[in-house]
Amino acid sequence: MSERSALIRLLVLSASWAAGSTAMAALQLRGLRDLAGFALAAGAYWLTRDLGRRRRRGELKYWRGRPVDDRWS
Protein backbone atom coordinates (compact mmCIF):
# COMPACT_ATOMS: atom_id res chain seq x y z
CA MET A 1 0.00 0.00 0.00
CA SER A 2 1.40 3.35 -0.96
CA GLU A 3 1.73 6.23 1.44
CA ARG A 4 -0.90 8.25 -0.40
CA SER A 5 -3.51 5.50 -0.35
CA ALA A 6 -2.81 4.89 3.36
CA LEU A 7 -3.47 8.56 4.10
CA ILE A 8 -6.68 8.50 2.06
CA ARG A 9 -7.80 5.39 3.94
CA LEU A 10 -7.06 7.09 7.28
CA LEU A 11 -9.11 10.11 6.18
CA VAL A 12 -12.05 7.90 5.17
CA LEU A 13 -11.94 6.01 8.48
CA SER A 14 -11.78 9.23 10.49
CA ALA A 15 -14.65 10.78 8.55
CA SER A 16 -16.75 7.63 9.03
CA TRP A 17 -16.15 7.63 12.79
CA ALA A 18 -17.01 11.34 12.99
CA ALA A 19 -20.17 10.90 10.92
CA GLY A 20 -21.44 8.08 13.12
CA SER A 21 -20.67 9.97 16.33
CA THR A 22 -22.25 13.17 15.03
CA ALA A 23 -25.40 11.39 13.86
CA MET A 24 -25.92 9.77 17.27
CA ALA A 25 -25.27 13.06 19.05
CA ALA A 26 -27.80 14.79 16.78
CA LEU A 27 -30.38 12.11 17.61
CA GLN A 28 -29.54 12.59 21.31
CA LEU A 29 -28.43 8.97 21.68
CA ARG A 30 -25.17 9.75 23.44
CA GLY A 31 -24.77 6.21 24.80
CA LEU A 32 -24.55 4.83 21.26
CA ARG A 33 -22.26 7.56 19.95
CA ASP A 34 -19.00 5.61 20.19
CA LEU A 35 -20.58 2.36 19.05
CA ALA A 36 -22.03 3.95 15.93
CA GLY A 37 -18.72 5.65 15.14
CA PHE A 38 -16.88 2.36 15.54
CA ALA A 39 -19.41 0.50 13.39
CA LEU A 40 -19.14 2.97 10.52
CA ALA A 41 -15.34 3.07 10.75
CA ALA A 42 -15.19 -0.74 10.74
CA GLY A 43 -17.39 -0.81 7.64
CA ALA A 44 -15.18 1.75 5.93
CA TYR A 45 -12.10 -0.26 6.88
CA TRP A 46 -13.59 -3.35 5.29
CA LEU A 47 -14.65 -1.48 2.14
CA THR A 48 -11.22 0.10 1.64
CA ARG A 49 -9.15 -3.03 2.29
CA ASP A 50 -7.93 -3.19 -1.35
CA LEU A 51 -7.28 0.52 -1.74
CA GLY A 52 -3.98 1.12 -3.49
CA ARG A 53 -3.43 -2.45 -4.63
CA ARG A 54 -3.17 -3.27 -8.29
CA ARG A 55 -5.53 -5.91 -9.55
CA ARG A 56 -4.21 -8.41 -12.02
CA ARG A 57 -6.36 -10.44 -14.33
CA GLY A 58 -5.39 -13.38 -16.39
CA GLU A 59 -2.18 -15.32 -16.33
CA LEU A 60 0.96 -13.66 -14.99
CA LYS A 61 4.24 -13.81 -16.83
CA TYR A 62 7.49 -13.97 -14.89
CA TRP A 63 11.04 -13.15 -15.90
CA ARG A 64 13.81 -13.92 -13.44
CA GLY A 65 11.35 -14.29 -10.57
CA ARG A 66 9.55 -10.98 -11.14
CA PRO A 67 6.13 -10.44 -12.70
CA VAL A 68 6.26 -8.83 -16.14
CA ASP A 69 3.71 -6.20 -17.13
CA ASP A 70 3.22 -6.75 -20.86
CA ARG A 71 0.21 -4.50 -21.32
CA TRP A 72 2.32 -1.91 -23.16
CA SER A 73 4.04 -4.23 -25.60
PDB file of N, CA and C in Angstrom:
ATOM      1  N   MET A   1       0.857  -1.169   0.000  1.00  0.00           N
ATOM      2  CA  MET A   1       0.000   0.000   0.000  1.00  0.00           C
ATOM      3  C   MET A   1       0.895   1.222   0.000  1.00  0.00           C
ATOM      4  N   SER A   2       0.598   2.140  -0.888  1.00  0.00           N
ATOM      5  CA  SER A   2       1.405   3.348  -0.965  1.00  0.00           C
ATOM      6  C   SER A   2       1.048   4.307   0.166  1.00  0.00           C
ATOM      7  N   GLU A   3       1.928   5.252   0.371  1.00  0.00           N
ATOM      8  CA  GLU A   3       1.730   6.227   1.443  1.00  0.00           C
ATOM      9  C   GLU A   3       0.482   7.074   1.194  1.00  0.00           C
ATOM     10  N   ARG A   4       0.265   7.426  -0.067  1.00  0.00           N
ATOM     11  CA  ARG A   4      -0.897   8.251  -0.396  1.00  0.00           C
ATOM     12  C   ARG A   4      -2.214   7.512  -0.145  1.00  0.00           C
ATOM     13  N   SER A   5      -2.275   6.251  -0.550  1.00  0.00           N
ATOM     14  CA  SER A   5      -3.506   5.496  -0.345  1.00  0.00           C
ATOM     15  C   SER A   5      -3.739   5.218   1.140  1.00  0.00           C
ATOM     16  N   ALA A   6      -2.658   5.070   1.920  1.00  0.00           N
ATOM     17  CA  ALA A   6      -2.809   4.886   3.362  1.00  0.00           C
ATOM     18  C   ALA A   6      -3.378   6.141   4.013  1.00  0.00           C
ATOM     19  N   LEU A   7      -2.944   7.307   3.553  1.00  0.00           N
ATOM     20  CA  LEU A   7      -3.474   8.563   4.100  1.00  0.00           C
ATOM     21  C   LEU A   7      -4.940   8.765   3.712  1.00  0.00           C
ATOM     22  N   ILE A   8      -5.281   8.399   2.491  1.00  0.00           N
ATOM     23  CA  ILE A   8      -6.677   8.502   2.059  1.00  0.00           C
ATOM     24  C   ILE A   8      -7.549   7.562   2.881  1.00  0.00           C
ATOM     25  N   ARG A   9      -7.047   6.356   3.139  1.00  0.00           N
ATOM     26  CA  ARG A   9      -7.799   5.389   3.945  1.00  0.00           C
ATOM     27  C   ARG A   9      -7.990   5.907   5.364  1.00  0.00           C
ATOM     28  N   LEU A  10      -6.956   6.511   5.946  1.00  0.00           N
ATOM     29  CA  LEU A  10      -7.063   7.088   7.283  1.00  0.00           C
ATOM     30  C   LEU A  10      -8.099   8.208   7.304  1.00  0.00           C
ATOM     31  N   LEU A  11      -8.120   9.029   6.270  1.00  0.00           N
ATOM     32  CA  LEU A  11      -9.107  10.111   6.183  1.00  0.00           C
ATOM     33  C   LEU A  11     -10.526   9.560   6.094  1.00  0.00           C
ATOM     34  N   VAL A  12     -10.723   8.505   5.307  1.00  0.00           N
ATOM     35  CA  VAL A  12     -12.051   7.898   5.172  1.00  0.00           C
ATOM     36  C   VAL A  12     -12.506   7.294   6.499  1.00  0.00           C
ATOM     37  N   LEU A  13     -11.591   6.611   7.195  1.00  0.00           N
ATOM     38  CA  LEU A  13     -11.939   6.012   8.482  1.00  0.00           C
ATOM     39  C   LEU A  13     -12.294   7.079   9.513  1.00  0.00           C
ATOM     40  N   SER A  14     -11.519   8.145   9.540  1.00  0.00           N
ATOM     41  CA  SER A  14     -11.784   9.228  10.491  1.00  0.00           C
ATOM     42  C   SER A  14     -13.116   9.913  10.199  1.00  0.00           C
ATOM     43  N   ALA A  15     -13.384  10.149   8.929  1.00  0.00           N
ATOM     44  CA  ALA A  15     -14.646  10.776   8.554  1.00  0.00           C
ATOM     45  C   ALA A  15     -15.835   9.872   8.884  1.00  0.00           C
ATOM     46  N   SER A  16     -15.667   8.567   8.709  1.00  0.00           N
ATOM     47  CA  SER A  16     -16.745   7.632   9.033  1.00  0.00           C
ATOM     48  C   SER A  16     -17.029   7.630  10.531  1.00  0.00           C
ATOM     49  N   TRP A  17     -15.978   7.606  11.334  1.00  0.00           N
ATOM     50  CA  TRP A  17     -16.149   7.633  12.790  1.00  0.00           C
ATOM     51  C   TRP A  17     -16.850   8.931  13.207  1.00  0.00           C
ATOM     52  N   ALA A  18     -16.414  10.050  12.639  1.00  0.00           N
ATOM     53  CA  ALA A  18     -17.005  11.342  12.987  1.00  0.00           C
ATOM     54  C   ALA A  18     -18.462  11.423  12.551  1.00  0.00           C
ATOM     55  N   ALA A  19     -18.783  10.872  11.397  1.00  0.00           N
ATOM     56  CA  ALA A  19     -20.168  10.905  10.917  1.00  0.00           C
ATOM     57  C   ALA A  19     -21.081  10.090  11.820  1.00  0.00           C
ATOM     58  N   GLY A  20     -20.625   8.912  12.231  1.00  0.00           N
ATOM     59  CA  GLY A  20     -21.437   8.082  13.124  1.00  0.00           C
ATOM     60  C   GLY A  20     -21.627   8.741  14.484  1.00  0.00           C
ATOM     61  N   SER A  21     -20.574   9.309  15.029  1.00  0.00           N
ATOM     62  CA  SER A  21     -20.669   9.971  16.329  1.00  0.00           C
ATOM     63  C   SER A  21     -21.565  11.198  16.257  1.00  0.00           C
ATOM     64  N   THR A  22     -21.438  11.967  15.189  1.00  0.00           N
ATOM     65  CA  THR A  22     -22.250  13.172  15.031  1.00  0.00           C
ATOM     66  C   THR A  22     -23.724  12.826  14.848  1.00  0.00           C
ATOM     67  N   ALA A  23     -24.003  11.784  14.083  1.00  0.00           N
ATOM     68  CA  ALA A  23     -25.396  11.388  13.863  1.00  0.00           C
ATOM     69  C   ALA A  23     -26.059  10.961  15.174  1.00  0.00           C
ATOM     70  N   MET A  24     -25.346  10.203  15.985  1.00  0.00           N
ATOM     71  CA  MET A  24     -25.924   9.766  17.268  1.00  0.00           C
ATOM     72  C   MET A  24     -26.075  10.934  18.245  1.00  0.00           C
ATOM     73  N   ALA A  25     -25.154  11.881  18.194  1.00  0.00           N
ATOM     74  CA  ALA A  25     -25.274  13.064  19.050  1.00  0.00           C
ATOM     75  C   ALA A  25     -26.454  13.918  18.603  1.00  0.00           C
ATOM     76  N   ALA A  26     -26.670  14.008  17.295  1.00  0.00           N
ATOM     77  CA  ALA A  26     -27.798  14.794  16.781  1.00  0.00           C
ATOM     78  C   ALA A  26     -29.134  14.152  17.150  1.00  0.00           C
ATOM     79  N   LEU A  27     -29.158  12.826  17.219  1.00  0.00           N
ATOM     80  CA  LEU A  27     -30.376  12.114  17.608  1.00  0.00           C
ATOM     81  C   LEU A  27     -30.513  11.985  19.125  1.00  0.00           C
ATOM     82  N   GLN A  28     -29.570  12.595  19.849  1.00  0.00           N
ATOM     83  CA  GLN A  28     -29.537  12.588  21.307  1.00  0.00           C
ATOM     84  C   GLN A  28     -29.466  11.167  21.876  1.00  0.00           C
ATOM     85  N   LEU A  29     -28.693  10.328  21.217  1.00  0.00           N
ATOM     86  CA  LEU A  29     -28.425   8.968  21.679  1.00  0.00           C
ATOM     87  C   LEU A  29     -26.949   8.888  22.055  1.00  0.00           C
ATOM     88  N   ARG A  30     -26.584   9.609  23.089  1.00  0.00           N
ATOM     89  CA  ARG A  30     -25.172   9.745  23.443  1.00  0.00           C
ATOM     90  C   ARG A  30     -24.544   8.424  23.879  1.00  0.00           C
ATOM     91  N   GLY A  31     -25.321   7.500  24.387  1.00  0.00           N
ATOM     92  CA  GLY A  31     -24.775   6.212  24.795  1.00  0.00           C
ATOM     93  C   GLY A  31     -24.314   5.371  23.616  1.00  0.00           C
ATOM     94  N   LEU A  32     -24.898   5.590  22.457  1.00  0.00           N
ATOM     95  CA  LEU A  32     -24.550   4.834  21.256  1.00  0.00           C
ATOM     96  C   LEU A  32     -23.564   5.571  20.352  1.00  0.00           C
ATOM     97  N   ARG A  33     -23.105   6.726  20.794  1.00  0.00           N
ATOM     98  CA  ARG A  33     -22.260   7.563  19.948  1.00  0.00           C
ATOM     99  C   ARG A  33     -20.969   6.846  19.542  1.00  0.00           C
ATOM    100  N   ASP A  34     -20.265   6.282  20.507  1.00  0.00           N
ATOM    101  CA  ASP A  34     -19.005   5.611  20.186  1.00  0.00           C
ATOM    102  C   ASP A  34     -19.230   4.312  19.424  1.00  0.00           C
ATOM    103  N   LEU A  35     -20.279   3.620  19.747  1.00  0.00           N
ATOM    104  CA  LEU A  35     -20.577   2.364  19.052  1.00  0.00           C
ATOM    105  C   LEU A  35     -20.906   2.611  17.582  1.00  0.00           C
ATOM    106  N   ALA A  36     -21.681   3.638  17.313  1.00  0.00           N
ATOM    107  CA  ALA A  36     -22.031   3.953  15.927  1.00  0.00           C
ATOM    108  C   ALA A  36     -20.796   4.408  15.151  1.00  0.00           C
ATOM    109  N   GLY A  37     -19.958   5.211  15.794  1.00  0.00           N
ATOM    110  CA  GLY A  37     -18.725   5.645  15.141  1.00  0.00           C
ATOM    111  C   GLY A  37     -17.826   4.470  14.816  1.00  0.00           C
ATOM    112  N   PHE A  38     -17.692   3.547  15.765  1.00  0.00           N
ATOM    113  CA  PHE A  38     -16.879   2.356  15.539  1.00  0.00           C
ATOM    114  C   PHE A  38     -17.456   1.499  14.420  1.00  0.00           C
ATOM    115  N   ALA A  39     -18.769   1.338  14.405  1.00  0.00           N
ATOM    116  CA  ALA A  39     -19.405   0.496  13.385  1.00  0.00           C
ATOM    117  C   ALA A  39     -19.190   1.070  11.983  1.00  0.00           C
ATOM    118  N   LEU A  40     -19.350   2.365  11.836  1.00  0.00           N
ATOM    119  CA  LEU A  40     -19.137   2.972  10.519  1.00  0.00           C
ATOM    120  C   LEU A  40     -17.666   2.919  10.110  1.00  0.00           C
ATOM    121  N   ALA A  41     -16.766   3.143  11.062  1.00  0.00           N
ATOM    122  CA  ALA A  41     -15.340   3.068  10.746  1.00  0.00           C
ATOM    123  C   ALA A  41     -14.929   1.643  10.389  1.00  0.00           C
ATOM    124  N   ALA A  42     -15.494   0.652  11.064  1.00  0.00           N
ATOM    125  CA  ALA A  42     -15.187  -0.742  10.736  1.00  0.00           C
ATOM    126  C   ALA A  42     -15.687  -1.088   9.337  1.00  0.00           C
ATOM    127  N   GLY A  43     -16.866  -0.598   8.988  1.00  0.00           N
ATOM    128  CA  GLY A  43     -17.390  -0.814   7.643  1.00  0.00           C
ATOM    129  C   GLY A  43     -16.522  -0.147   6.583  1.00  0.00           C
ATOM    130  N   ALA A  44     -16.065   1.058   6.865  1.00  0.00           N
ATOM    131  CA  ALA A  44     -15.181   1.752   5.927  1.00  0.00           C
ATOM    132  C   ALA A  44     -13.844   1.039   5.805  1.00  0.00           C
ATOM    133  N   TYR A  45     -13.348   0.501   6.903  1.00  0.00           N
ATOM    134  CA  TYR A  45     -12.096  -0.258   6.878  1.00  0.00           C
ATOM    135  C   TYR A  45     -12.242  -1.483   5.981  1.00  0.00           C
ATOM    136  N   TRP A  46     -13.354  -2.165   6.097  1.00  0.00           N
ATOM    137  CA  TRP A  46     -13.589  -3.355   5.289  1.00  0.00           C
ATOM    138  C   TRP A  46     -13.747  -2.990   3.815  1.00  0.00           C
ATOM    139  N   LEU A  47     -14.433  -1.886   3.525  1.00  0.00           N
ATOM    140  CA  LEU A  47     -14.652  -1.484   2.139  1.00  0.00           C
ATOM    141  C   LEU A  47     -13.382  -0.986   1.453  1.00  0.00           C
ATOM    142  N   THR A  48     -12.439  -0.445   2.224  1.00  0.00           N
ATOM    143  CA  THR A  48     -11.218   0.102   1.638  1.00  0.00           C
ATOM    144  C   THR A  48     -10.026  -0.836   1.793  1.00  0.00           C
ATOM    145  N   ARG A  49     -10.258  -2.105   2.030  1.00  0.00           N
ATOM    146  CA  ARG A  49      -9.152  -3.030   2.286  1.00  0.00           C
ATOM    147  C   ARG A  49      -8.250  -3.222   1.072  1.00  0.00           C
ATOM    148  N   ASP A  50      -8.740  -3.023  -0.134  1.00  0.00           N
ATOM    149  CA  ASP A  50      -7.928  -3.194  -1.346  1.00  0.00           C
ATOM    150  C   ASP A  50      -7.508  -1.874  -1.961  1.00  0.00           C
ATOM    151  N   LEU A  51      -7.636  -0.802  -1.229  1.00  0.00           N
ATOM    152  CA  LEU A  51      -7.279   0.518  -1.743  1.00  0.00           C
ATOM    153  C   LEU A  51      -5.778   0.586  -1.998  1.00  0.00           C
ATOM    154  N   GLY A  52      -5.391   0.988  -3.172  1.00  0.00           N
ATOM    155  CA  GLY A  52      -3.977   1.125  -3.495  1.00  0.00           C
ATOM    156  C   GLY A  52      -3.322  -0.120  -4.030  1.00  0.00           C
ATOM    157  N   ARG A  53      -4.013  -1.223  -4.095  1.00  0.00           N
ATOM    158  CA  ARG A  53      -3.433  -2.454  -4.630  1.00  0.00           C
ATOM    159  C   ARG A  53      -3.833  -2.613  -6.078  1.00  0.00           C
ATOM    160  N   ARG A  54      -2.876  -3.031  -6.875  1.00  0.00           N
ATOM    161  CA  ARG A  54      -3.175  -3.268  -8.287  1.00  0.00           C
ATOM    162  C   ARG A  54      -3.854  -4.612  -8.437  1.00  0.00           C
ATOM    163  N   ARG A  55      -4.829  -4.652  -9.277  1.00  0.00           N
ATOM    164  CA  ARG A  55      -5.531  -5.909  -9.551  1.00  0.00           C
ATOM    165  C   ARG A  55      -5.019  -6.482 -10.849  1.00  0.00           C
ATOM    166  N   ARG A  56      -4.698  -7.736 -10.816  1.00  0.00           N
ATOM    167  CA  ARG A  56      -4.208  -8.408 -12.015  1.00  0.00           C
ATOM    168  C   ARG A  56      -5.242  -9.425 -12.472  1.00  0.00           C
ATOM    169  N   ARG A  57      -5.432  -9.474 -13.758  1.00  0.00           N
ATOM    170  CA  ARG A  57      -6.359 -10.438 -14.329  1.00  0.00           C
ATOM    171  C   ARG A  57      -5.605 -11.291 -15.326  1.00  0.00           C
ATOM    172  N   GLY A  58      -6.021 -12.489 -15.433  1.00  0.00           N
ATOM    173  CA  GLY A  58      -5.390 -13.379 -16.389  1.00  0.00           C
ATOM    174  C   GLY A  58      -4.134 -14.017 -15.830  1.00  0.00           C
ATOM    175  N   GLU A  59      -3.392 -14.599 -16.723  1.00  0.00           N
ATOM    176  CA  GLU A  59      -2.182 -15.317 -16.326  1.00  0.00           C
ATOM    177  C   GLU A  59      -1.002 -14.350 -16.221  1.00  0.00           C
ATOM    178  N   LEU A  60      -0.206 -14.507 -15.189  1.00  0.00           N
ATOM    179  CA  LEU A  60       0.962 -13.662 -14.991  1.00  0.00           C
ATOM    180  C   LEU A  60       2.166 -14.253 -15.695  1.00  0.00           C
ATOM    181  N   LYS A  61       2.994 -13.382 -16.234  1.00  0.00           N
ATOM    182  CA  LYS A  61       4.243 -13.813 -16.831  1.00  0.00           C
ATOM    183  C   LYS A  61       5.375 -13.388 -15.908  1.00  0.00           C
ATOM    184  N   TYR A  62       6.359 -14.243 -15.773  1.00  0.00           N
ATOM    185  CA  TYR A  62       7.489 -13.968 -14.895  1.00  0.00           C
ATOM    186  C   TYR A  62       8.789 -14.012 -15.683  1.00  0.00           C
ATOM    187  N   TRP A  63       9.699 -13.141 -15.336  1.00  0.00           N
ATOM    188  CA  TRP A  63      11.043 -13.147 -15.900  1.00  0.00           C
ATOM    189  C   TRP A  63      12.015 -12.950 -14.751  1.00  0.00           C
ATOM    190  N   ARG A  64      12.831 -13.931 -14.514  1.00  0.00           N
ATOM    191  CA  ARG A  64      13.815 -13.919 -13.436  1.00  0.00           C
ATOM    192  C   ARG A  64      13.166 -13.703 -12.073  1.00  0.00           C
ATOM    193  N   GLY A  65      12.015 -14.330 -11.867  1.00  0.00           N
ATOM    194  CA  GLY A  65      11.349 -14.287 -10.574  1.00  0.00           C
ATOM    195  C   GLY A  65      10.482 -13.074 -10.329  1.00  0.00           C
ATOM    196  N   ARG A  66      10.377 -12.185 -11.305  1.00  0.00           N
ATOM    197  CA  ARG A  66       9.552 -10.985 -11.140  1.00  0.00           C
ATOM    198  C   ARG A  66       8.405 -10.991 -12.146  1.00  0.00           C
ATOM    199  N   PRO A  67       7.235 -10.499 -11.739  1.00  0.00           N
ATOM    200  CA  PRO A  67       6.127 -10.438 -12.703  1.00  0.00           C
ATOM    201  C   PRO A  67       6.407  -9.397 -13.783  1.00  0.00           C
ATOM    202  N   VAL A  68       6.038  -9.712 -14.996  1.00  0.00           N
ATOM    203  CA  VAL A  68       6.263  -8.826 -16.137  1.00  0.00           C
ATOM    204  C   VAL A  68       4.939  -8.213 -16.554  1.00  0.00           C
ATOM    205  N   ASP A  69       4.907  -6.906 -16.688  1.00  0.00           N
ATOM    206  CA  ASP A  69       3.712  -6.201 -17.128  1.00  0.00           C
ATOM    207  C   ASP A  69       3.827  -6.007 -18.637  1.00  0.00           C
ATOM    208  N   ASP A  70       3.115  -6.818 -19.404  1.00  0.00           N
ATOM    209  CA  ASP A  70       3.221  -6.748 -20.862  1.00  0.00           C
ATOM    210  C   ASP A  70       2.032  -6.046 -21.501  1.00  0.00           C
ATOM    211  N   ARG A  71       1.340  -5.217 -20.756  1.00  0.00           N
ATOM    212  CA  ARG A  71       0.206  -4.502 -21.322  1.00  0.00           C
ATOM    213  C   ARG A  71       0.634  -3.476 -22.357  1.00  0.00           C
ATOM    214  N   TRP A  72       1.863  -2.978 -22.280  1.00  0.00           N
ATOM    215  CA  TRP A  72       2.317  -1.910 -23.165  1.00  0.00           C
ATOM    216  C   TRP A  72       3.107  -2.423 -24.351  1.00  0.00           C
ATOM    217  N   SER A  73       3.245  -3.717 -24.477  1.00  0.00           N
ATOM    218  CA  SER A  73       4.041  -4.234 -25.596  1.00  0.00           C
ATOM    219  C   SER A  73       3.177  -4.675 -26.747  1.00  0.00           C
TER     220      SER A  73
END
